[in-house]
Protein backbone atom coordinates (compact mmCIF):
# COMPACT_ATOMS: atom_id res chain seq x y z
CA MET A 1 0.00 0.00 0.00
CA ARG A 2 1.32 3.44 -0.93
CA LEU A 3 1.46 5.89 1.99
CA GLU A 4 -0.87 8.87 1.59
CA PRO A 5 -3.01 11.15 3.74
CA THR A 6 -6.73 10.53 3.95
CA ASN A 7 -7.47 13.74 5.86
CA ILE A 8 -5.55 16.93 6.62
CA GLN A 9 -6.87 19.60 8.98
CA LEU A 10 -5.55 22.76 10.55
CA ILE A 11 -6.32 22.62 14.27
CA GLY A 12 -5.20 25.77 16.07
CA SER A 13 -1.45 26.00 15.59
CA GLU A 14 -1.07 22.38 14.44
CA LEU A 15 -1.50 20.54 11.18
CA ALA A 16 -3.13 17.14 11.73
CA ILE A 17 -2.77 14.37 9.16
CA GLN A 18 -4.61 11.07 9.17
CA TRP A 19 -2.83 8.46 7.03
CA ASN A 20 -4.26 5.57 5.01
CA ASP A 21 -2.47 3.10 7.31
CA GLY A 22 -4.48 4.35 10.30
CA GLN A 23 -1.69 6.47 11.85
CA GLU A 24 -2.17 10.13 12.79
CA SER A 25 0.52 12.83 12.82
CA TYR A 26 0.45 16.27 14.42
CA PHE A 27 2.85 19.05 13.45
CA GLY A 28 3.37 22.37 15.16
CA LEU A 29 3.29 25.01 12.43
CA GLU A 30 6.54 26.64 13.53
CA MET A 31 8.37 23.30 13.49
CA LEU A 32 6.87 22.47 10.10
CA ARG A 33 7.97 25.78 8.59
CA ARG A 34 11.48 25.56 10.05
CA ALA A 35 11.73 22.06 8.51
CA CYS A 36 10.88 23.37 5.03
CA PRO A 37 12.82 21.24 2.55
CA CYS A 38 13.08 23.81 -0.26
CA ALA A 39 16.48 25.09 -1.39
CA ALA A 40 15.73 28.63 -0.17
CA CYS A 41 15.18 27.35 3.39
CA GLY A 42 17.23 24.19 3.75
CA GLY A 43 19.97 24.89 1.28
CA GLU A 44 21.17 22.88 -1.67
CA ARG A 45 24.16 20.70 -2.52
CA ASP A 46 26.93 21.80 -4.83
CA VAL A 47 28.70 19.41 -7.22
CA LEU A 48 30.99 18.23 -4.41
CA GLY A 49 28.07 17.44 -2.10
CA ASN A 50 28.59 20.40 0.23
CA ILE A 51 25.41 22.01 1.45
CA SER A 52 25.18 25.77 1.14
CA ARG A 53 22.70 26.90 3.79
CA PRO A 54 21.01 30.26 3.32
CA ASN A 55 20.40 32.72 6.11
CA VAL A 56 16.63 32.46 6.63
CA SER A 57 14.69 35.07 8.58
CA TYR A 58 11.13 34.66 9.74
CA THR A 59 8.28 36.98 10.64
CA GLU A 60 5.17 36.30 12.70
CA THR A 61 3.24 35.34 9.57
CA SER A 62 5.97 32.85 8.59
CA PHE A 63 4.38 30.36 10.99
CA GLU A 64 0.77 30.91 9.90
CA LEU A 65 -0.63 28.54 7.32
CA ALA A 66 -2.75 30.03 4.52
CA GLY A 67 -3.53 26.66 2.91
CA TRP A 68 -1.99 23.70 1.12
CA GLU A 69 -2.17 21.72 -2.10
CA PHE A 70 -1.50 18.10 -2.94
CA ILE A 71 1.30 17.64 -5.46
CA GLY A 72 0.82 14.50 -7.50
CA GLY A 73 0.38 11.48 -5.28
CA TYR A 74 3.50 12.08 -3.22
CA ALA A 75 3.62 15.49 -1.48
CA VAL A 76 1.88 18.41 0.19
CA GLN A 77 2.83 22.00 -0.64
CA PRO A 78 1.97 24.42 2.19
CA ARG A 79 1.25 28.09 1.48
CA TRP A 80 2.40 30.28 4.36
CA LYS A 81 0.90 33.69 5.09
CA ASP A 82 4.26 35.41 4.50
CA GLY A 83 4.05 34.29 0.86
CA HIS A 84 6.44 31.33 1.04
CA SER A 85 5.16 28.30 -0.88
CA THR A 86 8.07 26.52 -2.55
CA GLY A 87 8.50 23.65 -0.06
CA LEU A 88 7.31 20.22 -1.19
CA TYR A 89 6.85 17.98 1.84
CA SER A 90 6.78 14.39 0.57
CA PHE A 91 4.54 12.03 2.49
CA GLN A 92 7.60 10.05 3.59
CA TYR A 93 9.33 13.25 4.79
CA LEU A 94 6.26 14.15 6.85
CA ARG A 95 6.21 10.73 8.47
CA ARG A 96 9.91 11.07 9.36
CA LEU A 97 9.23 14.52 10.86
CA ALA A 98 6.38 13.08 12.92
CA ALA A 99 8.72 10.47 14.39
CA VAL A 100 11.15 13.12 15.73
């Protein structure tokens, strides 16, 4: 069975995900934003494998969720109220974050 969410809801300052295997995950919005996997937030590797990490600054609205979209059958793309929306959170990445 391929892992995918069956329900996603914003509950206060948490994003709740119910998975098709019966598990549930809860993510604080600040933690979720700080874990953004996009190159602008998390950095990107050069040809030698070194990660160049950008200097990211946040505002109050950086941790407020405006909405989200499903990307294909493998990821969720949050839209944050500060305008950031380039992070693709794969379903597997979200499950790993939930385990931390």
